[in-house]
Structure formats: structure tokens, C-alpha cells
Amino acid sequence: MPFAGALSEHPIPSLATGEVIGAVLEAIGERPDIVFLSVTRPHAGALDDIITTVTSVLHPMVTIGCAAESVVGTGHEIEETPAISLWAGRVGPLMPVTLRASRSADDTWHFSGWPDKITIEPTALILVADPFTFPVDRFLSWIGDRHPGLPVIGGNASAALGPGGSRLIAGDRTLNEGAVGVLIGSGVEMEAVVSQGCRPYGQPLTVTKSDRNIMYEVAGTPAIESMVDQMKHGLSPVEIAGLEHNGIHIGRLIDEHLDQPGPGDYLVRTVIGVDRNTGAMAVDDRVPLGSTVRFHLRDAESADRDLHALLEGRRADGALLFTCNGRGTRLFDEPHHDAAVLAGQIGPVPVGGFFAAGEVGPVGGRNFVHSFTASIALFRDR
């Protein structure tokens, strides 16, 4: 097995570090190509020492990760209590990247740290970012222009409460700004799975009047009226009543050329405001005129069903899971939901990752920042 994963809940950082390193050494030995390390807030103060121990014992080629609110292991999610998740793999050629973002007076962003020459054939980018200093959405547009079709999977670090508080891992050091990542080469097969945790209802409709993120009319009808009509035909009274708690969501079709788009072809966004006088709806993203949209329901049952469906029939030898910090026990009645579903559908393969403050993954062939989503990188040994 070319992958290994270990999880420790020991409250003493040095002992927890020893536990996860020992488990990885026993599984695949030293000198893995990549190590992904994530720790919860109680261990963040000892992160430099943890990294030093991990790198000096395992001697990995690349080490990335972060401090996070909660972490993930095989079949388990440890929420807001002391824990270390250590994941390692032999994946073949790869390249680490350490990125910085700067903003110009004209509101444009510039990114530094991207390699001038990429010496491998990249098949994916694993990315961990500081949400306070690195605009991931702008970077995804930037990277999409330079490497179209390259999937980006990862998330925003979630341990910090404000600027300067993030702890990103880049090799044997920590950073409190920017982003860290690793370009995965062709030595391993990688598949991205993005579960947006929603169920579509009603019919696909065309936006007939809009301005940036405001939908005025859908299918020639005021947006609110259109939503109410779709609810009547697609939701039960109990589900309609639950919208006050779960919110209103709309999915925008990414590839307009699809004849029969499925649920995973829509980019789900939140409705952030309505104007009952005009019937307009404000969305937390642009909604271009002529785009195809479909209303979506987000709740625990829909999220469970969506994740099961997307993982059904897939296989992997290892995985990285970036799940939203609004999921876990904040959404589901039982703990360990996403990690347990992954283990149940794929098998108890080594898993690492963390709860993110914004998840990154591709939908319809393009990369986006999501919320309330589980973004998964599935690795298969060639």
C-alpha cells in the first residue's frame, strides 16, 4: 500500500506526534513523497516542534498542511479537541509551491511564488490557504488561465480567528499568510469528488433578467415567484418549513452544452437577500443573463444522499478530505459523517485532511471555492 494515515487524540503534543509517526513508519516506512499534516487548535502552539519531529524522522520530499478547527482521519472526524492527523503517500513526481498575494491600487491581485518552469506533468494541485490574506477565488481564475483543466483540491485553514493567526505548513516551517500547495505529477491517478450537499428540486430554468449577482426574473417570472412555484412542485411542507433554518440555495449550470445535466453539474450558491417589492433575489455570486439555474435544498439528509451517490462505485488507495466546518456535528446528528461515508463507500483506506473555512474543488471542469461542501481527492496507485 503506497499510502498511510494516522490519527492521535492524545492531549500532549509530543506523545500524539510519536503515535502518528510510528503508525506511518510501520505502514510505509520513511521517505514518503508527500506528508499532509493537520492539527487542531490545542496543538497549534506546538506546531513548529511537531513539524520538526515529523520531517526529521520521516524525511518526506514535501510536507504541507495547517492548523485547523477540526481534523480528519480514516473513518473519524475529531472536532475541536486535541488531535493530530498525519497522512503520507508515495505518489511519484511532485513540486511544492508557496504562494503570496498582493493587491494593487486598481483592485487587481498579483500572485507570486508560482514556479517559472514546471518540471513535471501536473495532474492536480493540492492547496491550503490562509483565508485572511489569500483570495482563493481570484487565484483559481488566475490558475485557470494558465493551466486550464488542472483540478485544484483543498481548503482554507480554519484555526485562526483573525489575520495573522493562521498556521500553514511549508516543508519544515510555518507561515501565517498566503497559501501552500503541491503539484501532483503523473505517477499516481487522482480523482476529485465534490459533494455540495444539496438536492435539486423543480426544473432547470433560464435567467431572463439579471445584473451581476441580482436575479430579477427567472423564465420571465419574478425570481421569488419562480422559487415559490418550484417549491410547490418539488418540496414537502416539512422541507418548505425547514428553509428558514437551512436557507435558500440556487445552482447555476456550469456547462451549458450538457443535454441532461445531473445534480453535480450545478454550482450551488446561497441566496443572501430578497426584495419582495420587485421579486428580486441576491446571490453570493454572479448570475449571468441566460444562464441555467435550478433551486436546491440543503439539509443533512440531502448532504448524506449526495455524498453516498457521488462516491458509489469509485475506488481509491488513499484520500484527502476537506470538509466544511459547517458540516460535522453542526449538520449531522451523528459524528464522523463524511469520513465514515468515505470509509464505507471506498473502504478503510488511509485518509487525512481537515475541516475547512471554504473548500476548493472542481465542478463542471472548473475550480471554485465552496461552502458546506466535502471536497475529496481520491488517489489510486498506478
Protein backbone atom coordinates (compact mmCIF):
# COMPACT_ATOMS: atom_id res chain seq x y z
CA MET A 1 0.00 0.00 0.00
CA PRO A 2 1.62 3.30 -1.06
CA PHE A 3 -0.36 5.41 1.44
CA ALA A 4 -0.59 5.64 5.21
CA GLY A 5 -2.76 7.61 7.59
CA ALA A 6 -2.74 8.04 11.34
CA LEU A 7 -4.80 9.97 13.88
CA SER A 8 -4.00 10.67 17.51
CA GLU A 9 -6.18 12.30 20.16
CA HIS A 10 -3.50 12.37 22.83
CA PRO A 11 -3.60 15.77 24.58
CA ILE A 12 0.20 16.00 24.89
CA PRO A 13 1.63 17.14 21.51
CA SER A 14 4.90 15.19 21.74
CA LEU A 15 3.13 11.92 22.53
CA ALA A 16 0.50 12.48 19.85
CA THR A 17 3.27 13.17 17.34
CA GLY A 18 5.05 9.98 18.30
CA GLU A 19 1.88 7.96 17.84
CA VAL A 20 1.14 9.17 14.32
CA ILE A 21 4.75 8.95 13.16
CA GLY A 22 5.05 5.41 14.49
CA ALA A 23 1.91 4.34 12.66
CA VAL A 24 3.10 5.83 9.36
CA LEU A 25 6.57 4.28 9.70
CA GLU A 26 5.02 0.89 10.33
CA ALA A 27 2.77 1.20 7.29
CA ILE A 28 5.07 2.56 4.58
CA GLY A 29 8.44 3.35 6.17
CA GLU A 30 10.38 6.58 5.89
CA ARG A 31 10.98 8.92 2.94
CA PRO A 32 7.43 9.20 1.56
CA ASP A 33 6.99 11.61 -1.33
CA ILE A 34 4.35 13.68 0.44
CA VAL A 35 3.21 14.24 4.01
CA PHE A 36 -0.02 16.06 4.80
CA LEU A 37 -0.18 17.20 8.42
CA SER A 38 -3.09 18.86 10.20
CA VAL A 39 -3.52 19.65 13.88
CA THR A 40 -6.35 21.14 15.91
CA ARG A 41 -6.09 24.43 17.83
CA PRO A 42 -4.89 22.90 21.14
CA HIS A 43 -1.76 21.65 19.34
CA ALA A 44 -1.20 24.75 17.18
CA GLY A 45 1.22 26.28 19.66
CA ALA A 46 3.48 23.24 19.34
CA LEU A 47 3.20 23.01 15.56
CA ASP A 48 6.82 24.02 14.86
CA ASP A 49 8.09 21.24 17.13
CA ILE A 50 5.64 18.76 15.60
CA ILE A 51 6.83 19.61 12.09
CA THR A 52 10.48 19.33 13.08
CA THR A 53 9.89 15.86 14.50
CA VAL A 54 7.84 14.67 11.53
CA THR A 55 10.34 15.86 8.92
CA SER A 56 13.43 14.69 10.81
CA VAL A 57 12.03 11.18 11.31
CA LEU A 58 10.10 10.59 8.08
CA HIS A 59 12.29 12.67 5.71
CA PRO A 60 9.47 13.40 3.25
CA MET A 61 10.10 15.14 -0.05
CA VAL A 62 7.18 17.55 0.52
CA THR A 63 5.29 18.47 3.70
CA ILE A 64 2.19 20.67 3.68
CA GLY A 65 -0.83 21.19 5.93
CA CYS A 66 -2.14 23.57 8.56
CA ALA A 67 -3.69 24.09 11.95
CA ALA A 68 -7.47 23.69 11.72
CA GLU A 69 -10.58 23.77 13.85
CA SER A 70 -11.04 20.01 13.41
CA VAL A 71 -9.17 17.22 11.61
CA VAL A 72 -9.97 14.09 9.67
CA GLY A 73 -8.62 10.54 9.66
CA THR A 74 -9.77 7.18 8.33
CA GLY A 75 -13.42 6.89 9.35
CA HIS A 76 -13.09 9.58 12.03
CA GLU A 77 -13.51 13.33 12.44
CA ILE A 78 -12.08 14.91 15.60
CA GLU A 79 -13.87 18.17 16.26
CA GLU A 80 -12.35 20.97 18.34
CA THR A 81 -10.41 18.73 20.74
CA PRO A 82 -6.66 17.91 20.73
CA ALA A 83 -5.78 15.84 17.68
CA ILE A 84 -3.12 15.31 15.01
CA SER A 85 -3.83 13.84 11.57
CA LEU A 86 -0.83 12.61 9.59
CA TRP A 87 -1.17 11.29 6.03
CA ALA A 88 1.67 10.16 3.79
CA GLY A 89 1.98 8.72 0.32
CA ARG A 90 4.29 7.58 -2.42
CA VAL A 91 2.89 9.40 -5.44
CA GLY A 92 5.87 9.88 -7.75
CA PRO A 93 6.92 13.25 -9.17
CA LEU A 94 5.62 16.36 -7.42
CA MET A 95 6.51 20.01 -6.83
CA PRO A 96 5.79 22.13 -3.74
CA VAL A 97 4.55 25.70 -4.15
CA THR A 98 4.47 28.56 -1.64
CA LEU A 99 2.31 31.46 -2.77
CA ARG A 100 1.77 35.10 -1.81
CA ALA A 101 -0.93 37.50 -2.94
CA SER A 102 -0.69 41.29 -3.26
CA ARG A 103 -3.41 43.77 -4.16
CA SER A 104 -2.85 46.77 -6.42
CA ALA A 105 -4.49 50.15 -6.17
CA ASP A 106 -6.78 49.25 -9.09
CA ASP A 107 -8.13 46.27 -7.09
CA THR A 108 -6.29 43.66 -9.17
CA TRP A 109 -4.46 40.80 -7.47
CA HIS A 110 -0.98 39.56 -8.22
CA PHE A 111 0.34 36.15 -7.20
CA SER A 112 3.98 35.34 -6.56
CA GLY A 113 5.69 32.04 -5.87
CA TRP A 114 4.32 30.06 -8.78
CA PRO A 115 7.24 28.24 -10.45
CA ASP A 116 8.50 29.79 -13.69
CA LYS A 117 9.21 26.32 -15.01
CA ILE A 118 7.23 23.24 -14.02
CA THR A 119 9.46 20.21 -14.37
CA ILE A 120 6.69 17.62 -14.03
CA GLU A 121 3.46 16.93 -15.88
CA PRO A 122 0.94 18.23 -13.31
CA THR A 123 -2.35 16.40 -12.95
CA ALA A 124 -3.68 18.25 -9.87
CA LEU A 125 -2.87 20.90 -7.29
CA ILE A 126 -3.49 20.33 -3.59
CA LEU A 127 -3.93 23.77 -1.98
CA VAL A 128 -4.18 25.05 1.61
CA ALA A 129 -4.71 28.79 2.03
CA ASP A 130 -4.97 31.49 4.68
CA PRO A 131 -8.47 32.98 4.23
CA PHE A 132 -7.40 36.41 5.51
CA THR A 133 -4.54 37.10 3.12
CA PHE A 134 -5.08 34.88 0.08
CA PRO A 135 -8.11 35.34 -2.22
CA VAL A 136 -8.58 31.76 -3.39
CA ASP A 137 -11.37 32.63 -5.82
CA ARG A 138 -9.13 35.12 -7.63
CA PHE A 139 -6.27 32.64 -7.65
CA LEU A 140 -8.48 29.95 -9.19
CA SER A 141 -9.28 32.32 -12.06
CA TRP A 142 -5.57 33.12 -12.37
CA ILE A 143 -4.52 29.48 -12.46
CA GLY A 144 -7.40 28.61 -14.80
CA ASP A 145 -6.00 30.97 -17.42
CA ARG A 146 -2.51 29.47 -17.15
CA HIS A 147 -3.34 25.80 -16.65
CA PRO A 148 -6.88 25.22 -17.93
CA GLY A 149 -8.39 21.97 -16.76
CA LEU A 150 -5.96 21.47 -13.86
CA PRO A 151 -8.09 20.39 -10.87
CA VAL A 152 -7.42 22.21 -7.59
CA ILE A 153 -8.50 20.48 -4.37
CA GLY A 154 -8.10 21.74 -0.82
CA GLY A 155 -9.43 24.37 1.53
CA ASN A 156 -8.90 27.39 3.73
CA ALA A 157 -7.22 26.86 7.08
CA SER A 158 -9.80 27.20 9.85
CA ALA A 159 -7.93 27.58 13.15
CA ALA A 160 -7.44 31.36 13.07
CA LEU A 161 -9.90 33.92 14.38
CA GLY A 162 -8.32 36.82 12.50
CA PRO A 163 -5.42 37.95 10.28
CA GLY A 164 -2.04 36.64 11.35
CA GLY A 165 -3.49 33.70 13.25
CA SER A 166 -3.28 31.00 10.58
CA ARG A 167 -0.55 28.38 10.70
CA LEU A 168 0.28 26.92 7.30
CA ILE A 169 2.90 24.21 6.86
CA ALA A 170 5.50 24.56 4.11
CA GLY A 171 8.21 21.95 4.44
CA ASP A 172 9.89 22.32 7.83
CA ARG A 173 8.45 25.77 8.66
CA THR A 174 5.17 27.51 9.37
CA LEU A 175 3.64 30.55 7.67
CA ASN A 176 0.81 32.85 8.74
CA GLU A 177 -0.14 34.19 5.30
CA GLY A 178 -0.50 33.20 1.67
CA ALA A 179 -1.03 29.62 0.55
CA VAL A 180 0.89 26.37 0.33
CA GLY A 181 0.38 23.54 -2.07
CA VAL A 182 1.84 20.70 -4.05
CA LEU A 183 1.56 19.90 -7.74
CA ILE A 184 0.89 16.19 -8.20
CA GLY A 185 2.56 14.57 -11.19
CA SER A 186 1.57 11.62 -13.35
CA GLY A 187 2.95 8.96 -11.00
CA VAL A 188 -0.43 8.44 -9.37
CA GLU A 189 -4.03 8.62 -10.56
CA MET A 190 -6.05 11.29 -8.80
CA GLU A 191 -9.79 11.88 -9.00
CA ALA A 192 -11.63 14.85 -7.49
CA VAL A 193 -15.06 14.41 -5.92
CA VAL A 194 -17.02 17.48 -4.77
CA SER A 195 -20.17 16.86 -2.76
CA GLN A 196 -22.05 20.15 -2.41
CA GLY A 197 -24.53 18.60 -0.02
CA CYS A 198 -27.65 19.70 -1.88
CA ARG A 199 -30.60 18.19 -3.67
CA PRO A 200 -32.10 19.96 -6.69
CA TYR A 201 -35.84 20.44 -6.88
CA GLY A 202 -38.14 21.77 -9.55
CA GLN A 203 -36.97 22.19 -13.15
CA PRO A 204 -33.96 23.82 -14.81
CA LEU A 205 -34.86 27.43 -15.64
CA THR A 206 -33.29 30.27 -17.62
CA VAL A 207 -32.36 33.59 -16.04
CA THR A 208 -34.16 36.19 -18.16
CA LYS A 209 -33.20 39.37 -16.25
CA SER A 210 -30.17 39.89 -14.02
CA ASP A 211 -27.47 42.34 -13.04
CA ARG A 212 -24.25 40.90 -11.63
CA ASN A 213 -25.39 38.93 -8.54
CA ILE A 214 -29.06 40.02 -8.66
CA MET A 215 -31.65 37.78 -10.29
CA TYR A 216 -34.71 39.82 -11.23
CA GLU A 217 -36.52 37.32 -13.44
CA VAL A 218 -36.31 33.57 -14.00
CA ALA A 219 -38.17 32.13 -17.00
CA GLY A 220 -39.88 35.50 -17.45
CA THR A 221 -41.25 35.50 -13.90
CA PRO A 222 -40.04 37.47 -10.87
CA ALA A 223 -37.40 35.32 -9.19
CA ILE A 224 -39.28 34.97 -5.89
CA GLU A 225 -42.47 33.88 -7.66
CA SER A 226 -40.50 31.35 -9.66
CA MET A 227 -38.93 29.96 -6.48
CA VAL A 228 -42.33 29.62 -4.77
CA ASP A 229 -43.71 27.79 -7.79
CA GLN A 230 -40.75 25.38 -7.85
CA MET A 231 -41.12 24.75 -4.12
CA LYS A 232 -44.76 23.77 -4.51
CA HIS A 233 -43.88 21.10 -7.04
CA GLY A 234 -40.59 19.90 -5.56
CA LEU A 235 -40.68 20.10 -1.76
CA SER A 236 -42.80 18.68 1.00
CA PRO A 237 -44.43 21.01 3.56
CA VAL A 238 -41.84 19.91 6.13
CA GLU A 239 -38.99 20.74 3.74
CA ILE A 240 -40.51 24.12 2.93
CA ALA A 241 -40.76 24.90 6.63
CA GLY A 242 -37.10 23.95 7.05
CA LEU A 243 -35.92 26.54 4.53
CA GLU A 244 -35.97 29.20 7.24
CA HIS A 245 -33.22 27.27 9.04
CA ASN A 246 -31.33 25.78 6.08
CA GLY A 247 -31.53 28.79 3.78
CA ILE A 248 -32.39 29.15 0.10
CA HIS A 249 -29.87 27.91 -2.43
CA ILE A 250 -29.64 28.04 -6.19
CA GLY A 251 -27.45 26.07 -8.56
CA ARG A 252 -26.02 27.58 -11.74
CA LEU A 253 -25.24 25.15 -14.56
CA ILE A 254 -21.53 25.39 -15.39
CA ASP A 255 -21.55 23.67 -18.78
CA GLU A 256 -24.48 24.97 -20.81
CA HIS A 257 -23.75 22.40 -23.55
CA LEU A 258 -24.90 19.45 -21.43
CA ASP A 259 -28.11 17.88 -22.72
CA GLN A 260 -29.03 16.17 -19.47
CA PRO A 261 -27.16 17.81 -16.59
CA GLY A 262 -27.03 15.96 -13.30
CA PRO A 263 -27.00 17.35 -9.76
CA GLY A 264 -23.20 17.54 -9.72
CA ASP A 265 -23.14 19.82 -12.76
CA TYR A 266 -24.59 22.79 -10.88
CA LEU A 267 -22.51 25.22 -8.84
CA VAL A 268 -24.55 25.77 -5.67
CA ARG A 269 -24.65 29.25 -4.18
CA THR A 270 -26.62 30.85 -1.32
CA VAL A 271 -29.42 33.35 -1.74
CA ILE A 272 -28.34 36.19 0.57
CA GLY A 273 -31.32 38.52 0.21
CA VAL A 274 -34.71 39.06 -1.38
CA ASP A 275 -36.72 42.13 -2.35
CA ARG A 276 -40.40 41.33 -2.00
CA ASN A 277 -41.39 44.54 -3.78
CA THR A 278 -39.58 43.67 -7.02
CA GLY A 279 -39.34 39.88 -6.60
CA ALA A 280 -35.56 40.02 -6.98
CA MET A 281 -33.09 37.69 -5.29
CA ALA A 282 -29.45 38.44 -4.42
CA VAL A 283 -26.98 35.55 -4.72
CA ASP A 284 -23.43 35.33 -3.33
CA ASP A 285 -22.04 35.01 -6.86
CA ARG A 286 -22.66 36.41 -10.30
CA VAL A 287 -25.71 35.08 -12.15
CA PRO A 288 -25.27 35.92 -15.86
CA LEU A 289 -28.23 36.64 -18.10
CA GLY A 290 -29.23 33.50 -19.99
CA SER A 291 -27.63 31.09 -17.52
CA THR A 292 -29.47 27.94 -16.48
CA VAL A 293 -30.35 27.70 -12.81
CA ARG A 294 -32.14 25.26 -10.56
CA PHE A 295 -33.23 25.70 -6.95
CA HIS A 296 -31.56 23.44 -4.39
CA LEU A 297 -32.32 22.19 -0.89
CA ARG A 298 -29.50 21.87 1.63
CA ASP A 299 -30.04 19.75 4.74
CA ALA A 300 -28.45 16.77 6.45
CA GLU A 301 -30.48 14.22 4.51
CA SER A 302 -29.63 15.80 1.17
CA ALA A 303 -25.95 16.07 2.12
CA ASP A 304 -25.85 12.41 3.16
CA ARG A 305 -27.58 11.25 -0.01
CA ASP A 306 -25.37 13.38 -2.26
CA LEU A 307 -22.11 12.14 -0.76
CA HIS A 308 -23.18 8.50 -0.94
CA ALA A 309 -24.22 8.88 -4.58
CA LEU A 310 -21.01 10.59 -5.67
CA LEU A 311 -18.75 8.01 -4.02
CA GLU A 312 -20.70 4.95 -5.16
CA GLY A 313 -18.66 2.70 -7.42
CA ARG A 314 -15.41 4.63 -7.01
CA ARG A 315 -12.21 3.13 -5.65
CA ALA A 316 -9.04 4.53 -4.15
CA ASP A 317 -5.89 3.55 -2.27
CA GLY A 318 -5.81 6.77 -0.25
CA ALA A 319 -7.70 10.04 0.09
CA LEU A 320 -7.56 13.61 1.35
CA LEU A 321 -10.84 15.01 2.68
CA PHE A 322 -11.55 18.71 3.05
CA THR A 323 -14.96 19.11 4.65
CA CYS A 324 -16.69 22.31 5.69
CA ASN A 325 -16.56 23.37 9.33
CA GLY A 326 -20.32 23.84 9.00
CA ARG A 327 -20.73 20.10 8.47
CA GLY A 328 -19.70 17.51 11.08
CA THR A 329 -21.95 17.52 14.14
CA ARG A 330 -23.13 21.04 13.24
CA LEU A 331 -25.09 19.47 10.37
CA PHE A 332 -25.42 15.76 11.07
CA ASP A 333 -26.91 14.03 14.10
CA GLU A 334 -24.00 11.60 14.36
CA PRO A 335 -20.25 12.40 14.45
CA HIS A 336 -17.72 11.32 11.79
CA HIS A 337 -20.30 11.52 8.99
CA ASP A 338 -18.20 12.40 5.94
CA ALA A 339 -15.20 10.32 6.97
CA ALA A 340 -17.46 7.37 7.77
CA VAL A 341 -19.27 7.58 4.42
CA LEU A 342 -15.92 7.74 2.64
CA ALA A 343 -14.71 4.65 4.51
CA GLY A 344 -17.99 2.84 3.88
CA GLN A 345 -18.07 3.54 0.14
CA ILE A 346 -14.36 3.35 -0.72
CA GLY A 347 -13.12 1.12 2.08
CA PRO A 348 -10.92 1.84 5.12
CA VAL A 349 -8.12 3.36 3.04
CA PRO A 350 -5.72 5.89 4.62
CA VAL A 351 -7.40 9.31 4.88
CA GLY A 352 -6.13 12.70 6.01
CA GLY A 353 -7.48 16.23 5.93
CA PHE A 354 -9.26 18.87 7.96
CA PHE A 355 -12.39 20.96 8.43
CA ALA A 356 -12.01 23.99 6.16
CA ALA A 357 -13.33 27.55 6.19
CA GLY A 358 -14.15 27.27 2.49
CA GLU A 359 -13.45 24.20 0.38
CA VAL A 360 -11.86 24.10 -3.06
CA GLY A 361 -12.74 21.69 -5.84
CA PRO A 362 -13.85 21.41 -9.46
CA VAL A 363 -17.46 21.48 -10.68
CA GLY A 364 -18.19 21.16 -14.38
CA GLY A 365 -14.49 21.19 -15.22
CA ARG A 366 -13.77 24.49 -13.41
CA ASN A 367 -12.43 25.12 -9.91
CA PHE A 368 -14.45 27.01 -7.31
CA VAL A 369 -14.49 27.91 -3.63
CA HIS A 370 -17.46 26.24 -1.94
CA SER A 371 -19.22 26.26 1.40
CA PHE A 372 -20.92 23.39 3.27
CA THR A 373 -19.13 21.07 0.88
CA ALA A 374 -16.95 17.97 1.09
CA SER A 375 -14.10 18.14 -1.42
CA ILE A 376 -12.19 14.89 -1.77
CA ALA A 377 -9.01 13.88 -3.60
CA LEU A 378 -9.02 10.14 -4.32
CA PHE A 379 -5.62 8.62 -5.10
CA ARG A 380 -5.02 5.33 -6.92
CA ASP A 381 -1.66 3.63 -7.31
CA ARG A 382 -0.75 3.20 -10.95
